[in-house]
Amino acid sequence: MLAHTLRSHLAPLLVAATLFLGACGPTYPNCDGDETCKPKGEYCMEKKCVQCRLTSHCANAATDACVACESGQCARKKDCCANALDCSSGKKCSGNRCVSECASDADCTGGKVCNEQGACASPDAAGCAKDSDCGDKLTCKAGKCVNASGECELVAVNFDFNRANLSKAAQGSISANARCFKERKIKSVTIEGHCDERGTDAYNLELGNRRARAVKRYLQSVSRGIKVRTVSYGKAQPVCTDSTETCWSENRRAQFKAR
């Protein structure tokens, strides 16, 4: 009887204690387990409700390698790509990183070539825009350099200091020369690589070779059936002998000689 009476009196107290202790438990966003965070679709980490604790808690994590859980939040990894749409123009996604679209013309398709920014681009159709682009005794007519009789002339391709890659203007000059080959029925050509006076003989011979080979690769991508030979003269055959930037820029060139 006494035990029954005690239980009757203690039951309300136990209920009240339970309610009191529950009210004193952690409230969102504080937590001591996932149950507190579950109504919000979140997880408990370091006593706080967060969006994720593991990468697998993030939506699309199974299909997008760039999604990750960072400090309790689902986010995209820095500099990560899932496809080419995540990269800027002229870049491709490789190994979840945006990289240059090409390293050489062989990496491009559809008649495109690899430009100096490492992107596949269509060859520039224009060889000149004004007479000064053509050199002495030549004029620019319809995008090509011509002599006094109106016959097309092969123009030199110029390079930046210590560089062997092709600028847009250089690509245009090569394309114009390719059209001139066809017009003059030229079947074989020698491309000569030249440098300015700075640097050693050995270094400039190698640089001249790289310039001539770069021109050859581009030429062969825009013109078929031309036999091409390359040679380097380094700094041995300058067209200008003043020690000025204007003069040096003229000497940094690749010249075409029909054979």
C-alpha atoms as a PDB file:
ATOM      1  CA  MET A   1       0.000   0.000   0.000  1.00  0.00           C
ATOM      2  CA  LEU A   2       2.761   2.383   0.973  1.00  0.00           C
ATOM      3  CA  ALA A   3       4.709   1.583  -2.189  1.00  0.00           C
ATOM      4  CA  HIS A   4       1.664   2.274  -4.309  1.00  0.00           C
ATOM      5  CA  THR A   5       1.153   5.594  -2.569  1.00  0.00           C
ATOM      6  CA  LEU A   6       4.798   6.596  -3.144  1.00  0.00           C
ATOM      7  CA  ARG A   7       4.597   5.719  -6.837  1.00  0.00           C
ATOM      8  CA  SER A   8       1.453   7.805  -7.155  1.00  0.00           C
ATOM      9  CA  HIS A   9       3.167  10.810  -5.638  1.00  0.00           C
ATOM     10  CA  LEU A  10       6.482  10.384  -7.426  1.00  0.00           C
ATOM     11  CA  ALA A  11       5.101   9.852 -10.962  1.00  0.00           C
ATOM     12  CA  PRO A  12       4.182  13.520 -11.551  1.00  0.00           C
ATOM     13  CA  LEU A  13       7.555  14.544 -10.193  1.00  0.00           C
ATOM     14  CA  LEU A  14       9.346  12.212 -12.618  1.00  0.00           C
ATOM     15  CA  VAL A  15       7.370  13.603 -15.557  1.00  0.00           C
ATOM     16  CA  ALA A  16       8.152  17.151 -14.491  1.00  0.00           C
ATOM     17  CA  ALA A  17      11.838  16.310 -14.092  1.00  0.00           C
ATOM     18  CA  THR A  18      11.915  14.763 -17.542  1.00  0.00           C
ATOM     19  CA  LEU A  19      10.292  17.834 -19.082  1.00  0.00           C
ATOM     20  CA  PHE A  20      12.642  20.093 -17.134  1.00  0.00           C
ATOM     21  CA  LEU A  21      15.737  18.245 -18.230  1.00  0.00           C
ATOM     22  CA  GLY A  22      14.535  18.222 -21.840  1.00  0.00           C
ATOM     23  CA  ALA A  23      13.984  21.965 -21.721  1.00  0.00           C
ATOM     24  CA  CYS A  24      17.509  22.384 -20.443  1.00  0.00           C
ATOM     25  CA  GLY A  25      19.003  20.334 -23.316  1.00  0.00           C
ATOM     26  CA  PRO A  26      20.747  21.955 -26.327  1.00  0.00           C
ATOM     27  CA  THR A  27      18.562  23.920 -28.741  1.00  0.00           C
ATOM     28  CA  TYR A  28      19.246  24.552 -32.437  1.00  0.00           C
ATOM     29  CA  PRO A  29      21.820  25.382 -33.681  1.00  0.00           C
ATOM     30  CA  ASN A  30      23.545  23.875 -30.633  1.00  0.00           C
ATOM     31  CA  CYS A  31      23.511  20.093 -30.418  1.00  0.00           C
ATOM     32  CA  ASP A  32      24.844  17.047 -28.656  1.00  0.00           C
ATOM     33  CA  GLY A  33      23.898  14.624 -31.432  1.00  0.00           C
ATOM     34  CA  ASP A  34      22.392  14.444 -34.891  1.00  0.00           C
ATOM     35  CA  GLU A  35      18.832  14.142 -33.513  1.00  0.00           C
ATOM     36  CA  THR A  36      18.805  17.854 -32.622  1.00  0.00           C
ATOM     37  CA  CYS A  37      19.804  18.815 -36.174  1.00  0.00           C
ATOM     38  CA  LYS A  38      17.822  16.199 -38.068  1.00  0.00           C
ATOM     39  CA  PRO A  39      14.618  18.307 -38.467  1.00  0.00           C
ATOM     40  CA  LYS A  40      16.688  20.806 -40.443  1.00  0.00           C
ATOM     41  CA  GLY A  41      18.354  18.097 -42.524  1.00  0.00           C
ATOM     42  CA  GLU A  42      21.679  18.880 -40.851  1.00  0.00           C
ATOM     43  CA  TYR A  43      24.338  17.110 -38.806  1.00  0.00           C
ATOM     44  CA  CYS A  44      25.964  17.705 -35.434  1.00  0.00           C
ATOM     45  CA  MET A  45      29.648  18.613 -35.525  1.00  0.00           C
ATOM     46  CA  GLU A  46      31.562  20.078 -32.602  1.00  0.00           C
ATOM     47  CA  LYS A  47      28.296  20.811 -30.768  1.00  0.00           C
ATOM     48  CA  LYS A  48      26.862  22.807 -33.696  1.00  0.00           C
ATOM     49  CA  CYS A  49      24.371  21.892 -36.393  1.00  0.00           C
ATOM     50  CA  VAL A  50      26.036  22.136 -39.801  1.00  0.00           C
ATOM     51  CA  GLN A  51      25.091  21.418 -43.400  1.00  0.00           C
ATOM     52  CA  CYS A  52      27.472  18.464 -43.644  1.00  0.00           C
ATOM     53  CA  ARG A  53      30.026  16.481 -41.727  1.00  0.00           C
ATOM     54  CA  LEU A  54      31.163  14.329 -44.634  1.00  0.00           C
ATOM     55  CA  THR A  55      31.338  15.054 -48.365  1.00  0.00           C
ATOM     56  CA  SER A  56      28.788  12.281 -48.908  1.00  0.00           C
ATOM     57  CA  HIS A  57      26.254  14.432 -47.037  1.00  0.00           C
ATOM     58  CA  CYS A  58      26.338  16.987 -49.899  1.00  0.00           C
ATOM     59  CA  ALA A  59      23.910  16.847 -52.788  1.00  0.00           C
ATOM     60  CA  ASN A  60      25.514  15.792 -56.125  1.00  0.00           C
ATOM     61  CA  ALA A  61      28.725  14.692 -54.378  1.00  0.00           C
ATOM     62  CA  ALA A  62      28.428  11.266 -55.988  1.00  0.00           C
ATOM     63  CA  THR A  63      28.390  12.729 -59.507  1.00  0.00           C
ATOM     64  CA  ASP A  64      30.418  15.934 -59.143  1.00  0.00           C
ATOM     65  CA  ALA A  65      34.045  15.482 -58.049  1.00  0.00           C
ATOM     66  CA  CYS A  66      34.345  19.197 -57.314  1.00  0.00           C
ATOM     67  CA  VAL A  67      31.790  19.128 -54.463  1.00  0.00           C
ATOM     68  CA  ALA A  68      33.275  18.812 -50.980  1.00  0.00           C
ATOM     69  CA  CYS A  69      32.327  19.348 -47.342  1.00  0.00           C
ATOM     70  CA  GLU A  70      34.489  22.149 -45.983  1.00  0.00           C
ATOM     71  CA  SER A  71      34.091  23.385 -42.387  1.00  0.00           C
ATOM     72  CA  GLY A  72      30.582  22.015 -42.228  1.00  0.00           C
ATOM     73  CA  GLN A  73      29.403  23.595 -45.486  1.00  0.00           C
ATOM     74  CA  CYS A  74      28.950  22.037 -48.925  1.00  0.00           C
ATOM     75  CA  ALA A  75      31.084  23.950 -51.415  1.00  0.00           C
ATOM     76  CA  ARG A  76      33.004  23.568 -54.655  1.00  0.00           C
ATOM     77  CA  LYS A  77      36.730  22.939 -54.440  1.00  0.00           C
ATOM     78  CA  LYS A  78      38.815  25.920 -55.488  1.00  0.00           C
ATOM     79  CA  ASP A  79      40.102  25.799 -59.090  1.00  0.00           C
ATOM     80  CA  CYS A  80      38.238  22.527 -59.679  1.00  0.00           C
ATOM     81  CA  CYS A  81      36.236  21.674 -62.800  1.00  0.00           C
ATOM     82  CA  ALA A  82      33.782  18.915 -63.619  1.00  0.00           C
ATOM     83  CA  ASN A  83      33.618  19.683 -67.348  1.00  0.00           C
ATOM     84  CA  ALA A  84      34.679  22.304 -69.898  1.00  0.00           C
ATOM     85  CA  LEU A  85      31.736  24.533 -68.926  1.00  0.00           C
ATOM     86  CA  ASP A  86      33.515  25.242 -65.630  1.00  0.00           C
ATOM     87  CA  CYS A  87      36.567  26.575 -67.518  1.00  0.00           C
ATOM     88  CA  SER A  88      37.152  29.833 -69.349  1.00  0.00           C
ATOM     89  CA  SER A  89      37.358  30.028 -73.137  1.00  0.00           C
ATOM     90  CA  GLY A  90      40.412  28.281 -74.569  1.00  0.00           C
ATOM     91  CA  LYS A  91      40.706  25.936 -71.574  1.00  0.00           C
ATOM     92  CA  LYS A  92      39.674  22.327 -71.120  1.00  0.00           C
ATOM     93  CA  CYS A  93      38.937  20.272 -68.008  1.00  0.00           C
ATOM     94  CA  SER A  94      41.496  17.547 -67.356  1.00  0.00           C
ATOM     95  CA  GLY A  95      41.854  15.720 -64.054  1.00  0.00           C
ATOM     96  CA  ASN A  96      39.359  18.200 -62.542  1.00  0.00           C
ATOM     97  CA  ARG A  97      41.667  21.097 -63.387  1.00  0.00           C
ATOM     98  CA  CYS A  98      41.299  23.752 -66.095  1.00  0.00           C
ATOM     99  CA  VAL A  99      44.344  23.466 -68.355  1.00  0.00           C
ATOM    100  CA  SER A 100      45.441  24.826 -71.714  1.00  0.00           C
ATOM    101  CA  GLU A 101      43.424  23.427 -74.579  1.00  0.00           C
ATOM    102  CA  CYS A 102      46.513  22.504 -76.568  1.00  0.00           C
ATOM    103  CA  ALA A 103      50.291  22.304 -76.493  1.00  0.00           C
ATOM    104  CA  SER A 104      50.755  21.952 -80.253  1.00  0.00           C
ATOM    105  CA  ASP A 105      48.706  21.983 -83.449  1.00  0.00           C
ATOM    106  CA  ALA A 106      48.352  18.196 -83.209  1.00  0.00           C
ATOM    107  CA  ASP A 107      46.032  18.682 -80.200  1.00  0.00           C
ATOM    108  CA  CYS A 108      43.519  20.655 -82.304  1.00  0.00           C
ATOM    109  CA  THR A 109      40.934  19.416 -84.788  1.00  0.00           C
ATOM    110  CA  GLY A 110      38.781  20.894 -87.550  1.00  0.00           C
ATOM    111  CA  GLY A 111      41.646  22.737 -89.203  1.00  0.00           C
ATOM    112  CA  LYS A 112      42.361  24.800 -86.084  1.00  0.00           C
ATOM    113  CA  VAL A 113      45.844  25.530 -84.768  1.00  0.00           C
ATOM    114  CA  CYS A 114      47.333  26.033 -81.327  1.00  0.00           C
ATOM    115  CA  ASN A 115      47.904  29.726 -80.628  1.00  0.00           C
ATOM    116  CA  GLU A 116      50.312  31.295 -78.152  1.00  0.00           C
ATOM    117  CA  GLN A 117      47.684  31.247 -75.377  1.00  0.00           C
ATOM    118  CA  GLY A 118      47.394  27.463 -75.658  1.00  0.00           C
ATOM    119  CA  ALA A 119      43.945  27.567 -77.262  1.00  0.00           C
ATOM    120  CA  CYS A 120      42.783  26.014 -80.537  1.00  0.00           C
ATOM    121  CA  ALA A 121      41.860  28.802 -82.952  1.00  0.00           C
ATOM    122  CA  SER A 122      41.077  29.250 -86.625  1.00  0.00           C
ATOM    123  CA  PRO A 123      44.006  30.486 -88.722  1.00  0.00           C
ATOM    124  CA  ASP A 124      43.910  34.240 -89.315  1.00  0.00           C
ATOM    125  CA  ALA A 125      43.011  34.961 -92.945  1.00  0.00           C
ATOM    126  CA  ALA A 126      44.627  38.396 -93.180  1.00  0.00           C
ATOM    127  CA  GLY A 127      48.328  38.732 -93.924  1.00  0.00           C
ATOM    128  CA  CYS A 128      48.531  42.531 -93.768  1.00  0.00           C
ATOM    129  CA  ALA A 129      46.357  45.471 -92.819  1.00  0.00           C
ATOM    130  CA  LYS A 130      48.541  48.342 -94.032  1.00  0.00           C
ATOM    131  CA  ASP A 131      51.597  48.921 -96.203  1.00  0.00           C
ATOM    132  CA  SER A 132      53.937  49.120 -93.204  1.00  0.00           C
ATOM    133  CA  ASP A 133      53.131  45.466 -92.453  1.00  0.00           C
ATOM    134  CA  CYS A 134      54.794  44.438 -95.718  1.00  0.00           C
ATOM    135  CA  GLY A 135      58.272  45.970 -95.680  1.00  0.00           C
ATOM    136  CA  ASP A 136      60.158  48.026 -98.260  1.00  0.00           C
ATOM    137  CA  LYS A 137      58.848  48.339-101.829  1.00  0.00           C
ATOM    138  CA  LEU A 138      55.730  46.322-101.081  1.00  0.00           C
ATOM    139  CA  THR A 139      52.141  47.406-100.570  1.00  0.00           C
ATOM    140  CA  CYS A 140      49.197  45.804 -98.807  1.00  0.00           C
ATOM    141  CA  LYS A 141      46.376  44.890-101.153  1.00  0.00           C
ATOM    142  CA  ALA A 142      43.360  42.754-100.178  1.00  0.00           C
ATOM    143  CA  GLY A 143      45.204  41.341 -97.156  1.00  0.00           C
ATOM    144  CA  LYS A 144      48.379  40.388 -99.015  1.00  0.00           C
ATOM    145  CA  CYS A 145      51.706  42.062 -99.676  1.00  0.00           C
ATOM    146  CA  VAL A 146      52.353  42.688-103.375  1.00  0.00           C
ATOM    147  CA  ASN A 147      55.174  44.180-105.429  1.00  0.00           C
ATOM    148  CA  ALA A 148      54.885  46.963-108.000  1.00  0.00           C
ATOM    149  CA  SER A 149      53.586  44.554-110.643  1.00  0.00           C
ATOM    150  CA  GLY A 150      50.835  43.315-108.304  1.00  0.00           C
ATOM    151  CA  GLU A 151      52.423  39.914-107.738  1.00  0.00           C
ATOM    152  CA  CYS A 152      52.284  38.575-104.187  1.00  0.00           C
ATOM    153  CA  GLU A 153      55.522  38.515-102.196  1.00  0.00           C
ATOM    154  CA  LEU A 154      56.517  36.287 -99.317  1.00  0.00           C
ATOM    155  CA  VAL A 155      56.753  38.242 -96.086  1.00  0.00           C
ATOM    156  CA  ALA A 156      58.824  37.618 -92.951  1.00  0.00           C
ATOM    157  CA  VAL A 157      57.253  36.399 -89.731  1.00  0.00           C
ATOM    158  CA  ASN A 158      58.345  38.365 -86.658  1.00  0.00           C
ATOM    159  CA  PHE A 159      58.738  37.194 -83.044  1.00  0.00           C
ATOM    160  CA  ASP A 160      58.828  38.726 -79.581  1.00  0.00           C
ATOM    161  CA  PHE A 161      62.119  38.813 -77.690  1.00  0.00           C
ATOM    162  CA  ASN A 162      63.362  35.357 -76.714  1.00  0.00           C
ATOM    163  CA  ARG A 163      60.137  33.732 -77.969  1.00  0.00           C
ATOM    164  CA  ALA A 164      59.378  31.152 -80.639  1.00  0.00           C
ATOM    165  CA  ASN A 165      55.578  31.028 -80.399  1.00  0.00           C
ATOM    166  CA  LEU A 166      53.379  32.675 -83.013  1.00  0.00           C
ATOM    167  CA  SER A 167      51.377  35.830 -82.435  1.00  0.00           C
ATOM    168  CA  LYS A 168      48.107  36.439 -84.223  1.00  0.00           C
ATOM    169  CA  ALA A 169      49.910  38.735 -86.658  1.00  0.00           C
ATOM    170  CA  ALA A 170      52.519  36.042 -87.323  1.00  0.00           C
ATOM    171  CA  GLN A 171      49.796  33.481 -88.042  1.00  0.00           C
ATOM    172  CA  GLY A 172      48.236  35.929 -90.496  1.00  0.00           C
ATOM    173  CA  SER A 173      51.561  36.393 -92.298  1.00  0.00           C
ATOM    174  CA  ILE A 174      52.019  32.647 -92.653  1.00  0.00           C
ATOM    175  CA  SER A 175      48.467  32.238 -93.977  1.00  0.00           C
ATOM    176  CA  ALA A 176      49.080  35.013 -96.507  1.00  0.00           C
ATOM    177  CA  ASN A 177      52.312  33.333 -97.621  1.00  0.00           C
ATOM    178  CA  ALA A 178      50.422  30.061 -98.033  1.00  0.00           C
ATOM    179  CA  ARG A 179      48.010  31.787-100.416  1.00  0.00           C
ATOM    180  CA  CYS A 180      50.953  33.302-102.255  1.00  0.00           C
ATOM    181  CA  PHE A 181      52.473  29.814-102.717  1.00  0.00           C
ATOM    182  CA  LYS A 182      49.287  28.753-104.453  1.00  0.00           C
ATOM    183  CA  GLU A 183      49.121  31.885-106.568  1.00  0.00           C
ATOM    184  CA  ARG A 184      52.736  31.554-107.689  1.00  0.00           C
ATOM    185  CA  LYS A 185      52.579  27.752-107.866  1.00  0.00           C
ATOM    186  CA  ILE A 186      55.410  27.393-105.361  1.00  0.00           C
ATOM    187  CA  LYS A 187      55.859  23.741-104.364  1.00  0.00           C
ATOM    188  CA  SER A 188      58.812  23.883-101.964  1.00  0.00           C
ATOM    189  CA  VAL A 189      60.170  26.470 -99.562  1.00  0.00           C
ATOM    190  CA  THR A 190      62.955  26.980 -97.027  1.00  0.00           C
ATOM    191  CA  ILE A 191      62.070  28.671 -93.735  1.00  0.00           C
ATOM    192  CA  GLU A 192      65.033  30.496 -92.198  1.00  0.00           C
ATOM    193  CA  GLY A 193      65.085  31.230 -88.462  1.00  0.00           C
ATOM    194  CA  HIS A 194      66.841  34.454 -87.366  1.00  0.00           C
ATOM    195  CA  CYS A 195      67.524  36.246 -84.067  1.00  0.00           C
ATOM    196  CA  ASP A 196      68.723  39.625 -82.829  1.00  0.00           C
ATOM    197  CA  GLU A 197      72.290  40.209 -81.670  1.00  0.00           C
ATOM    198  CA  ARG A 198      71.731  39.495 -77.967  1.00  0.00           C
ATOM    199  CA  GLY A 199      72.725  36.123 -76.501  1.00  0.00           C
ATOM    200  CA  THR A 200      75.362  33.567 -77.427  1.00  0.00           C
ATOM    201  CA  ASP A 201      75.824  32.104 -80.892  1.00  0.00           C
ATOM    202  CA  ALA A 202      74.807  28.637 -79.705  1.00  0.00           C
ATOM    203  CA  TYR A 203      71.668  29.871 -77.953  1.00  0.00           C
ATOM    204  CA  ASN A 204      70.528  31.899 -80.940  1.00  0.00           C
ATOM    205  CA  LEU A 205      71.105  29.023 -83.347  1.00  0.00           C
ATOM    206  CA  GLU A 206      68.753  26.884 -81.252  1.00  0.00           C
ATOM    207  CA  LEU A 207      66.222  29.726 -80.915  1.00  0.00           C
ATOM    208  CA  GLY A 208      66.312  30.236 -84.684  1.00  0.00           C
ATOM    209  CA  ASN A 209      65.609  26.522 -85.152  1.00  0.00           C
ATOM    210  CA  ARG A 210      62.612  26.682 -82.801  1.00  0.00           C
ATOM    211  CA  ARG A 211      61.225  29.690 -84.672  1.00  0.00           C
ATOM    212  CA  ALA A 212      61.611  28.028 -88.064  1.00  0.00           C
ATOM    213  CA  ARG A 213      59.986  24.814 -86.822  1.00  0.00           C
ATOM    214  CA  ALA A 214      57.052  26.724 -85.283  1.00  0.00           C
ATOM    215  CA  VAL A 215      56.411  28.430 -88.624  1.00  0.00           C
ATOM    216  CA  LYS A 216      56.680  25.105 -90.446  1.00  0.00           C
ATOM    217  CA  ARG A 217      54.086  23.463 -88.178  1.00  0.00           C
ATOM    218  CA  TYR A 218      51.620  26.284 -88.690  1.00  0.00           C
ATOM    219  CA  LEU A 219      52.248  26.424 -92.439  1.00  0.00           C
ATOM    220  CA  GLN A 220      51.594  22.713 -92.806  1.00  0.00           C
ATOM    221  CA  SER A 221      48.311  23.109 -90.922  1.00  0.00           C
ATOM    222  CA  VAL A 222      46.993  25.702 -93.400  1.00  0.00           C
ATOM    223  CA  SER A 223      48.634  24.574 -96.628  1.00  0.00           C
ATOM    224  CA  ARG A 224      48.940  21.041 -97.974  1.00  0.00           C
ATOM    225  CA  GLY A 225      51.406  19.725-100.513  1.00  0.00           C
ATOM    226  CA  ILE A 226      54.250  22.174 -99.804  1.00  0.00           C
ATOM    227  CA  LYS A 227      57.691  20.682 -99.206  1.00  0.00           C
ATOM    228  CA  VAL A 228      59.251  22.550 -96.312  1.00  0.00           C
ATOM    229  CA  ARG A 229      62.876  22.699 -95.161  1.00  0.00           C
ATOM    230  CA  THR A 230      64.033  24.631 -92.091  1.00  0.00           C
ATOM    231  CA  VAL A 231      67.394  26.165 -91.247  1.00  0.00           C
ATOM    232  CA  SER A 232      68.688  28.484 -88.532  1.00  0.00           C
ATOM    233  CA  TYR A 233      71.173  31.312 -88.994  1.00  0.00           C
ATOM    234  CA  GLY A 234      70.962  32.519 -85.397  1.00  0.00           C
ATOM    235  CA  LYS A 235      72.172  36.113 -85.267  1.00  0.00           C
ATOM    236  CA  ALA A 236      74.555  35.794 -88.237  1.00  0.00           C
ATOM    237  CA  GLN A 237      72.361  37.481 -90.881  1.00  0.00           C
ATOM    238  CA  PRO A 238      70.757  40.645 -89.467  1.00  0.00           C
ATOM    239  CA  VAL A 239      68.706  42.885 -91.748  1.00  0.00           C
ATOM    240  CA  CYS A 240      69.425  45.851 -89.464  1.00  0.00           C
ATOM    241  CA  THR A 241      72.613  46.530 -87.488  1.00  0.00           C
ATOM    242  CA  ASP A 242      71.618  49.297 -85.053  1.00  0.00           C
ATOM    243  CA  SER A 243      71.497  48.322 -81.382  1.00  0.00           C
ATOM    244  CA  THR A 244      67.913  49.512 -80.891  1.00  0.00           C
ATOM    245  CA  GLU A 245      64.662  47.720 -80.118  1.00  0.00           C
ATOM    246  CA  THR A 246      63.247  48.731 -83.502  1.00  0.00           C
ATOM    247  CA  CYS A 247      66.189  47.136 -85.245  1.00  0.00           C
ATOM    248  CA  TRP A 248      66.204  44.048 -83.028  1.00  0.00           C
ATOM    249  CA  SER A 249      62.500  43.454 -83.706  1.00  0.00           C
ATOM    250  CA  GLU A 250      63.232  43.331 -87.449  1.00  0.00           C
ATOM    251  CA  ASN A 251      65.978  40.759 -86.906  1.00  0.00           C
ATOM    252  CA  ARG A 252      63.760  38.446 -84.818  1.00  0.00           C
ATOM    253  CA  ARG A 253      62.168  36.759 -87.779  1.00  0.00           C
ATOM    254  CA  ALA A 254      61.547  33.736 -89.945  1.00  0.00           C
ATOM    255  CA  GLN A 255      61.992  34.260 -93.682  1.00  0.00           C
ATOM    256  CA  PHE A 256      60.571  32.265 -96.559  1.00  0.00           C
ATOM    257  CA  LYS A 257      62.717  31.378 -99.545  1.00  0.00           C
ATOM    258  CA  ALA A 258      61.029  29.641-102.470  1.00  0.00           C
ATOM    259  CA  ARG A 259      63.007  26.714-103.908  1.00  0.00           C
END
